[in-house]
C-alpha atoms as a PDB file:
ATOM      1  CA  UNK A   1      -0.868  16.054  -0.029  1.00  0.00           C
ATOM      2  CA  UNK A   2      -3.532  17.188   2.383  1.00  0.00           C
ATOM      3  CA  UNK A   3      -2.326  19.117   5.472  1.00  0.00           C
ATOM      4  CA  UNK A   4      -3.195  16.302   7.893  1.00  0.00           C
ATOM      5  CA  UNK A   5      -1.095  13.846   5.895  1.00  0.00           C
ATOM      6  CA  UNK A   6       1.822  16.282   5.885  1.00  0.00           C
ATOM      7  CA  UNK A   7       1.602  16.565   9.670  1.00  0.00           C
ATOM      8  CA  UNK A   8       1.694  12.780  10.047  1.00  0.00           C
ATOM      9  CA  UNK A   9       4.717  12.516   7.784  1.00  0.00           C
ATOM     10  CA  UNK A  10       6.510  15.382   9.539  1.00  0.00           C
ATOM     11  CA  UNK A  11       5.938  13.729  12.899  1.00  0.00           C
ATOM     12  CA  UNK A  12       7.451  10.482  11.633  1.00  0.00           C
ATOM     13  CA  UNK A  13      10.546  12.308  10.373  1.00  0.00           C
ATOM     14  CA  UNK A  14      11.014  14.504  13.460  1.00  0.00           C
ATOM     15  CA  UNK A  15      14.279  14.061  15.422  1.00  0.00           C
ATOM     16  CA  UNK A  16      12.431  12.557  18.387  1.00  0.00           C
ATOM     17  CA  UNK A  17      10.448  10.059  16.344  1.00  0.00           C
ATOM     18  CA  UNK A  18      11.001   6.313  16.852  1.00  0.00           C
ATOM     19  CA  UNK A  19      13.742   4.675  14.794  1.00  0.00           C
ATOM     20  CA  UNK A  20      12.527   3.500  11.425  1.00  0.00           C
ATOM     21  CA  UNK A  21      12.491  -0.181  10.521  1.00  0.00           C
ATOM     22  CA  UNK A  22      14.180   0.500   7.173  1.00  0.00           C
ATOM     23  CA  UNK A  23      16.901   3.131   7.505  1.00  0.00           C
ATOM     24  CA  UNK A  24      18.125   4.953   4.412  1.00  0.00           C
ATOM     25  CA  UNK A  25      14.770   5.097   2.635  1.00  0.00           C
ATOM     26  CA  UNK A  26      14.229   8.336   0.722  1.00  0.00           C
ATOM     27  CA  UNK A  27      11.033   9.941   2.070  1.00  0.00           C
ATOM     28  CA  UNK A  28       8.253  10.479  -0.437  1.00  0.00           C
ATOM     29  CA  UNK A  29       7.742  14.017  -1.717  1.00  0.00           C
ATOM     30  CA  UNK A  30       3.988  14.022  -1.100  1.00  0.00           C
ATOM     31  CA  UNK A  31       1.244  15.157  -3.422  1.00  0.00           C
ATOM     32  CA  UNK A  32       3.249  17.882  -5.150  1.00  0.00           C
ATOM     33  CA  UNK A  33       3.662  16.102  -8.469  1.00  0.00           C
ATOM     34  CA  UNK A  34       4.902  19.080 -10.484  1.00  0.00           C
ATOM     35  CA  UNK A  35       8.550  18.072 -10.070  1.00  0.00           C
ATOM     36  CA  UNK A  36       8.784  14.361  -9.254  1.00  0.00           C
ATOM     37  CA  UNK A  37      11.912  13.173  -7.506  1.00  0.00           C
ATOM     38  CA  UNK A  38      14.235  10.962  -9.517  1.00  0.00           C
ATOM     39  CA  UNK A  39      14.154   7.260  -8.797  1.00  0.00           C
ATOM     40  CA  UNK A  40      16.842   6.027  -6.435  1.00  0.00           C
ATOM     41  CA  UNK A  41      18.164   3.735  -9.191  1.00  0.00           C
ATOM     42  CA  UNK A  42      17.761   3.447 -12.979  1.00  0.00           C
ATOM     43  CA  UNK A  43      14.442   1.910 -13.972  1.00  0.00           C
ATOM     44  CA  UNK A  44      14.085  -0.496 -16.911  1.00  0.00           C
ATOM     45  CA  UNK A  45      11.475   0.230 -19.537  1.00  0.00           C
ATOM     46  CA  UNK A  46       8.092  -1.389 -18.841  1.00  0.00           C
ATOM     47  CA  UNK A  47       7.741  -4.732 -20.577  1.00  0.00           C
ATOM     48  CA  UNK A  48      11.491  -5.333 -20.988  1.00  0.00           C
ATOM     49  CA  UNK A  49      11.608  -7.716 -18.017  1.00  0.00           C
ATOM     50  CA  UNK A  50       9.439 -10.403 -16.461  1.00  0.00           C
ATOM     51  CA  UNK A  51       7.827 -10.695 -13.060  1.00  0.00           C
ATOM     52  CA  UNK A  52       7.123 -14.431 -12.708  1.00  0.00           C
ATOM     53  CA  UNK A  53       4.273 -15.389 -10.374  1.00  0.00           C
ATOM     54  CA  UNK A  54       5.503 -15.953  -6.835  1.00  0.00           C
ATOM     55  CA  UNK A  55       2.418 -17.589  -5.348  1.00  0.00           C
ATOM     56  CA  UNK A  56      -1.347 -17.109  -5.220  1.00  0.00           C
ATOM     57  CA  UNK A  57      -2.568 -14.140  -3.234  1.00  0.00           C
ATOM     58  CA  UNK A  58      -4.697 -14.975  -0.223  1.00  0.00           C
ATOM     59  CA  UNK A  59      -8.234 -14.004   0.625  1.00  0.00           C
ATOM     60  CA  UNK A  60      -9.879 -13.589   3.976  1.00  0.00           C
ATOM     61  CA  UNK A  61     -12.661 -11.705   5.720  1.00  0.00           C
ATOM     62  CA  UNK A  62     -12.187  -7.924   5.688  1.00  0.00           C
ATOM     63  CA  UNK A  63     -14.355  -4.848   6.221  1.00  0.00           C
ATOM     64  CA  UNK A  64     -14.432  -1.794   3.995  1.00  0.00           C
ATOM     65  CA  UNK A  65     -14.828   1.802   5.180  1.00  0.00           C
ATOM     66  CA  UNK A  66     -18.622   1.399   5.319  1.00  0.00           C
ATOM     67  CA  UNK A  67     -18.360  -1.750   7.448  1.00  0.00           C
ATOM     68  CA  UNK A  68     -19.359  -4.076   4.611  1.00  0.00           C
ATOM     69  CA  UNK A  69     -17.902  -7.570   4.882  1.00  0.00           C
ATOM     70  CA  UNK A  70     -15.781  -8.531   1.859  1.00  0.00           C
ATOM     71  CA  UNK A  71     -13.338 -11.202   0.824  1.00  0.00           C
ATOM     72  CA  UNK A  72      -9.884  -9.693   0.394  1.00  0.00           C
ATOM     73  CA  UNK A  73      -9.077 -11.660  -2.749  1.00  0.00           C
ATOM     74  CA  UNK A  74     -12.447 -12.120  -4.373  1.00  0.00           C
ATOM     75  CA  UNK A  75     -13.851  -8.642  -3.756  1.00  0.00           C
ATOM     76  CA  UNK A  76     -10.871  -6.336  -3.230  1.00  0.00           C
ATOM     77  CA  UNK A  77      -7.970  -7.636  -5.329  1.00  0.00           C
ATOM     78  CA  UNK A  78      -9.127  -9.572  -8.390  1.00  0.00           C
ATOM     79  CA  UNK A  79      -9.948  -7.912 -11.691  1.00  0.00           C
ATOM     80  CA  UNK A  80      -7.277  -5.203 -11.664  1.00  0.00           C
ATOM     81  CA  UNK A  81      -3.570  -5.064 -11.031  1.00  0.00           C
ATOM     82  CA  UNK A  82      -3.464  -4.255  -7.327  1.00  0.00           C
ATOM     83  CA  UNK A  83      -0.894  -2.913  -4.899  1.00  0.00           C
ATOM     84  CA  UNK A  84      -1.650  -4.182  -1.390  1.00  0.00           C
ATOM     85  CA  UNK A  85       0.038  -2.435   1.555  1.00  0.00           C
ATOM     86  CA  UNK A  86      -0.159  -3.673   5.147  1.00  0.00           C
ATOM     87  CA  UNK A  87      -0.031  -0.885   7.757  1.00  0.00           C
ATOM     88  CA  UNK A  88      -1.851   0.380  10.841  1.00  0.00           C
ATOM     89  CA  UNK A  89      -3.010   3.901  11.567  1.00  0.00           C
ATOM     90  CA  UNK A  90      -1.290   4.366  14.948  1.00  0.00           C
ATOM     91  CA  UNK A  91       2.110   3.372  13.535  1.00  0.00           C
ATOM     92  CA  UNK A  92       4.567   6.221  14.011  1.00  0.00           C
ATOM     93  CA  UNK A  93       7.631   4.988  12.134  1.00  0.00           C
ATOM     94  CA  UNK A  94       7.452   3.196   8.773  1.00  0.00           C
ATOM     95  CA  UNK A  95       3.741   3.545   8.045  1.00  0.00           C
ATOM     96  CA  UNK A  96       3.556   7.316   7.412  1.00  0.00           C
ATOM     97  CA  UNK A  97       6.393   6.944   4.904  1.00  0.00           C
ATOM     98  CA  UNK A  98       4.641   4.003   3.253  1.00  0.00           C
ATOM     99  CA  UNK A  99       1.349   5.898   3.124  1.00  0.00           C
ATOM    100  CA  UNK A 100       3.105   8.852   1.504  1.00  0.00           C
ATOM    101  CA  UNK A 101       4.605   6.523  -1.097  1.00  0.00           C
ATOM    102  CA  UNK A 102       1.168   5.049  -1.796  1.00  0.00           C
ATOM    103  CA  UNK A 103      -0.205   8.579  -2.206  1.00  0.00           C
ATOM    104  CA  UNK A 104       2.625   9.405  -4.587  1.00  0.00           C
ATOM    105  CA  UNK A 105       1.904   6.223  -6.552  1.00  0.00           C
ATOM    106  CA  UNK A 106      -1.747   7.229  -6.844  1.00  0.00           C
ATOM    107  CA  UNK A 107      -0.750  10.673  -8.101  1.00  0.00           C
ATOM    108  CA  UNK A 108       1.664   9.287 -10.698  1.00  0.00           C
ATOM    109  CA  UNK A 109      -0.926   6.823 -11.986  1.00  0.00           C
ATOM    110  CA  UNK A 110      -3.522   9.598 -12.274  1.00  0.00           C
ATOM    111  CA  UNK A 111      -1.449  11.130 -15.075  1.00  0.00           C
ATOM    112  CA  UNK A 112      -2.283   8.144 -17.304  1.00  0.00           C
ATOM    113  CA  UNK A 113      -6.076   7.636 -17.506  1.00  0.00           C
ATOM    114  CA  UNK A 114      -5.648   4.454 -19.523  1.00  0.00           C
ATOM    115  CA  UNK A 115      -3.552   3.010 -16.726  1.00  0.00           C
ATOM    116  CA  UNK A 116      -5.361   4.253 -13.639  1.00  0.00           C
ATOM    117  CA  UNK A 117      -8.595   2.520 -14.601  1.00  0.00           C
ATOM    118  CA  UNK A 118      -6.821  -0.846 -14.720  1.00  0.00           C
ATOM    119  CA  UNK A 119      -5.100  -0.749 -11.341  1.00  0.00           C
ATOM    120  CA  UNK A 120      -6.067  -0.149  -7.732  1.00  0.00           C
ATOM    121  CA  UNK A 121      -4.418   0.511  -4.406  1.00  0.00           C
ATOM    122  CA  UNK A 122      -5.462  -1.394  -1.293  1.00  0.00           C
ATOM    123  CA  UNK A 123      -4.418  -0.581   2.273  1.00  0.00           C
ATOM    124  CA  UNK A 124      -5.161  -3.216   4.919  1.00  0.00           C
ATOM    125  CA  UNK A 125      -4.752  -2.510   8.631  1.00  0.00           C
ATOM    126  CA  UNK A 126      -3.023  -5.057  10.851  1.00  0.00           C
ATOM    127  CA  UNK A 127      -4.597  -3.494  13.972  1.00  0.00           C
ATOM    128  CA  UNK A 128      -8.329  -4.325  13.792  1.00  0.00           C
ATOM    129  CA  UNK A 129      -8.996  -3.593  17.473  1.00  0.00           C
ATOM    130  CA  UNK A 130      -8.252   0.091  16.942  1.00  0.00           C
ATOM    131  CA  UNK A 131      -8.656   0.469  13.178  1.00  0.00           C
ATOM    132  CA  UNK A 132     -12.401   0.092  12.836  1.00  0.00           C
ATOM    133  CA  UNK A 133     -14.152   0.934   9.559  1.00  0.00           C
ATOM    134  CA  UNK A 134     -14.844   4.411  10.960  1.00  0.00           C
ATOM    135  CA  UNK A 135     -11.158   4.950  11.744  1.00  0.00           C
ATOM    136  CA  UNK A 136     -10.167   3.712   8.281  1.00  0.00           C
ATOM    137  CA  UNK A 137     -12.711   6.042   6.679  1.00  0.00           C
ATOM    138  CA  UNK A 138     -11.159   9.048   8.426  1.00  0.00           C
ATOM    139  CA  UNK A 139      -7.679   7.775   7.587  1.00  0.00           C
ATOM    140  CA  UNK A 140      -8.632   7.429   3.915  1.00  0.00           C
ATOM    141  CA  UNK A 141      -9.787  11.048   3.854  1.00  0.00           C
ATOM    142  CA  UNK A 142      -6.303  12.072   4.964  1.00  0.00           C
ATOM    143  CA  UNK A 143      -4.408  10.182   2.274  1.00  0.00           C
ATOM    144  CA  UNK A 144      -6.647   9.480  -0.718  1.00  0.00           C
ATOM    145  CA  UNK A 145      -6.424  11.832  -3.708  1.00  0.00           C
ATOM    146  CA  UNK A 146      -9.577  13.748  -4.674  1.00  0.00           C
ATOM    147  CA  UNK A 147      -8.515  13.631  -8.338  1.00  0.00           C
ATOM    148  CA  UNK A 148     -11.212  11.720 -10.289  1.00  0.00           C
ATOM    149  CA  UNK A 149      -8.492  10.501 -12.677  1.00  0.00           C
ATOM    150  CA  UNK A 150      -6.652   8.705  -9.858  1.00  0.00           C
ATOM    151  CA  UNK A 151      -6.913   4.935  -9.458  1.00  0.00           C
ATOM    152  CA  UNK A 152      -9.200   3.601  -6.750  1.00  0.00           C
ATOM    153  CA  UNK A 153      -7.657   3.288  -3.294  1.00  0.00           C
ATOM    154  CA  UNK A 154      -9.503   1.067  -0.828  1.00  0.00           C
ATOM    155  CA  UNK A 155      -8.881   1.153   2.927  1.00  0.00           C
ATOM    156  CA  UNK A 156      -9.753  -2.091   4.693  1.00  0.00           C
ATOM    157  CA  UNK A 157      -9.588  -3.634   8.127  1.00  0.00           C
ATOM    158  CA  UNK A 158     -10.487  -7.031   9.580  1.00  0.00           C
ATOM    159  CA  UNK A 159     -13.508  -7.909  11.730  1.00  0.00           C
ATOM    160  CA  UNK A 160     -11.170  -8.969  14.555  1.00  0.00           C
ATOM    161  CA  UNK A 161      -7.711 -10.373  15.172  1.00  0.00           C
ATOM    162  CA  UNK A 162      -8.897 -13.969  14.753  1.00  0.00           C
ATOM    163  CA  UNK A 163     -10.067 -13.185  11.210  1.00  0.00           C
ATOM    164  CA  UNK A 164      -6.836 -11.305  10.480  1.00  0.00           C
ATOM    165  CA  UNK A 165      -4.470 -14.054  11.677  1.00  0.00           C
ATOM    166  CA  UNK A 166      -4.769 -16.375   8.637  1.00  0.00           C
ATOM    167  CA  UNK A 167      -4.401 -13.409   6.284  1.00  0.00           C
ATOM    168  CA  UNK A 168      -1.170 -12.342   7.969  1.00  0.00           C
ATOM    169  CA  UNK A 169       0.104 -15.919   7.877  1.00  0.00           C
ATOM    170  CA  UNK A 170      -0.677 -16.273   4.178  1.00  0.00           C
ATOM    171  CA  UNK A 171       1.259 -13.091   3.378  1.00  0.00           C
ATOM    172  CA  UNK A 172       4.131 -13.974   5.742  1.00  0.00           C
ATOM    173  CA  UNK A 173       3.474 -10.734   7.610  1.00  0.00           C
ATOM    174  CA  UNK A 174       4.631 -10.864  11.194  1.00  0.00           C
ATOM    175  CA  UNK A 175       3.084  -8.441  13.681  1.00  0.00           C
ATOM    176  CA  UNK A 176       4.513  -8.521  17.207  1.00  0.00           C
ATOM    177  CA  UNK A 177       2.901  -7.175  20.339  1.00  0.00           C
ATOM    178  CA  UNK A 178       5.335  -4.842  22.109  1.00  0.00           C
ATOM    179  CA  UNK A 179       3.661  -3.065  25.028  1.00  0.00           C
ATOM    180  CA  UNK A 180       6.564  -0.625  25.281  1.00  0.00           C
ATOM    181  CA  UNK A 181       6.415   0.341  21.598  1.00  0.00           C
ATOM    182  CA  UNK A 182       4.922   3.656  20.560  1.00  0.00           C
ATOM    183  CA  UNK A 183       1.813   3.689  18.429  1.00  0.00           C
ATOM    184  CA  UNK A 184      -0.400   1.055  19.973  1.00  0.00           C
ATOM    185  CA  UNK A 185       2.211  -1.444  21.136  1.00  0.00           C
ATOM    186  CA  UNK A 186       2.705  -3.182  17.772  1.00  0.00           C
ATOM    187  CA  UNK A 187       5.841  -3.805  15.777  1.00  0.00           C
ATOM    188  CA  UNK A 188       6.043  -4.880  12.146  1.00  0.00           C
ATOM    189  CA  UNK A 189       8.166  -4.478   9.043  1.00  0.00           C
ATOM    190  CA  UNK A 190       6.316  -2.899   6.156  1.00  0.00           C
ATOM    191  CA  UNK A 191       5.559  -5.092   3.164  1.00  0.00           C
ATOM    192  CA  UNK A 192       3.572  -4.380   0.011  1.00  0.00           C
ATOM    193  CA  UNK A 193       2.475  -6.824  -2.665  1.00  0.00           C
ATOM    194  CA  UNK A 194       1.962  -6.450  -6.403  1.00  0.00           C
ATOM    195  CA  UNK A 195      -0.949  -8.696  -7.382  1.00  0.00           C
ATOM    196  CA  UNK A 196      -2.051  -9.370 -10.951  1.00  0.00           C
ATOM    197  CA  UNK A 197      -5.614  -9.482 -12.246  1.00  0.00           C
ATOM    198  CA  UNK A 198      -5.739 -13.251 -11.731  1.00  0.00           C
ATOM    199  CA  UNK A 199      -4.889 -12.990  -8.048  1.00  0.00           C
ATOM    200  CA  UNK A 200      -1.197 -13.955  -8.159  1.00  0.00           C
ATOM    201  CA  UNK A 201       1.571 -12.185  -6.254  1.00  0.00           C
ATOM    202  CA  UNK A 202       4.115 -10.876  -8.757  1.00  0.00           C
ATOM    203  CA  UNK A 203       6.406  -8.778  -6.547  1.00  0.00           C
ATOM    204  CA  UNK A 204       6.970  -8.088  -2.849  1.00  0.00           C
ATOM    205  CA  UNK A 205       8.400  -4.771  -1.674  1.00  0.00           C
ATOM    206  CA  UNK A 206      10.066  -3.709   1.537  1.00  0.00           C
ATOM    207  CA  UNK A 207       9.971   0.001   2.288  1.00  0.00           C
ATOM    208  CA  UNK A 208      13.498   0.412   0.893  1.00  0.00           C
ATOM    209  CA  UNK A 209      12.292  -0.686  -2.547  1.00  0.00           C
ATOM    210  CA  UNK A 210       8.783   0.718  -2.437  1.00  0.00           C
ATOM    211  CA  UNK A 211       9.625   3.483  -4.902  1.00  0.00           C
ATOM    212  CA  UNK A 212       6.418   4.739  -6.561  1.00  0.00           C
ATOM    213  CA  UNK A 213       8.084   5.034  -9.987  1.00  0.00           C
ATOM    214  CA  UNK A 214       9.374   1.461  -9.727  1.00  0.00           C
ATOM    215  CA  UNK A 215       5.987   0.096  -8.619  1.00  0.00           C
ATOM    216  CA  UNK A 216       4.247   1.885 -11.473  1.00  0.00           C
ATOM    217  CA  UNK A 217       6.782   0.441 -13.930  1.00  0.00           C
ATOM    218  CA  UNK A 218       5.993  -3.015 -12.552  1.00  0.00           C
ATOM    219  CA  UNK A 219       2.252  -2.379 -12.972  1.00  0.00           C
ATOM    220  CA  UNK A 220       2.791  -1.345 -16.587  1.00  0.00           C
ATOM    221  CA  UNK A 221       4.918  -4.448 -17.165  1.00  0.00           C
ATOM    222  CA  UNK A 222       2.079  -6.711 -16.003  1.00  0.00           C
ATOM    223  CA  UNK A 223      -0.414  -4.913 -18.241  1.00  0.00           C
ATOM    224  CA  UNK A 224       1.944  -5.243 -21.251  1.00  0.00           C
ATOM    225  CA  UNK A 225       2.347  -8.945 -20.474  1.00  0.00           C
ATOM    226  CA  UNK A 226      -1.414  -9.324 -20.369  1.00  0.00           C
ATOM    227  CA  UNK A 227      -1.854  -7.529 -23.697  1.00  0.00           C
ATOM    228  CA  UNK A 228       0.795  -9.737 -25.339  1.00  0.00           C
ATOM    229  CA  UNK A 229      -0.939 -12.811 -23.983  1.00  0.00           C
ATOM    230  CA  UNK A 230      -4.188 -11.791 -25.677  1.00  0.00           C
END
């Protein structure tokens, strides 16, 4: 992991940091992939279980790091198995842990070139007033792997809160304004979504279950299902 990302994670885990929304979560080990930590629970073999569609994933107006206007579903999610994480850059509790897990997921996927080219990671900010495309570009530089074998990781924001509202509603993501809260006065519980190539949600993770090895096993399961269908 890059030094700036390590500093963010260390700050979140410091004794004086705000209480985390999901206690008991094992912190990610960062970008040191030489000795991966064991999963918190036994993982089934990919393809030995099913992940039935939950519901269609939603689209909506978003901006990429260059400020280009995209549709979340049509431009950012379809075509590959995607892992969508909802965070904001000023978050000082759950988000650094979630970002570290996303970075770990990217590193694990990079070990399998045949896999990494068929999946992508997508981070969407829930704080568009602060998290402009320029802020997301700098944030991406902190977390994204420079390894060319790693899957793509897109960092997106919304044009404004009005454009973001229907996206949050579609993903059942509640974001509360708390002026007394650290990190921009927002409060939310982290959620991430596994979305198949056809734009259907196939799993939803809280931070407690956002284990990179588990998520990668789920990605492989969807790709095996797709190959069997052909």
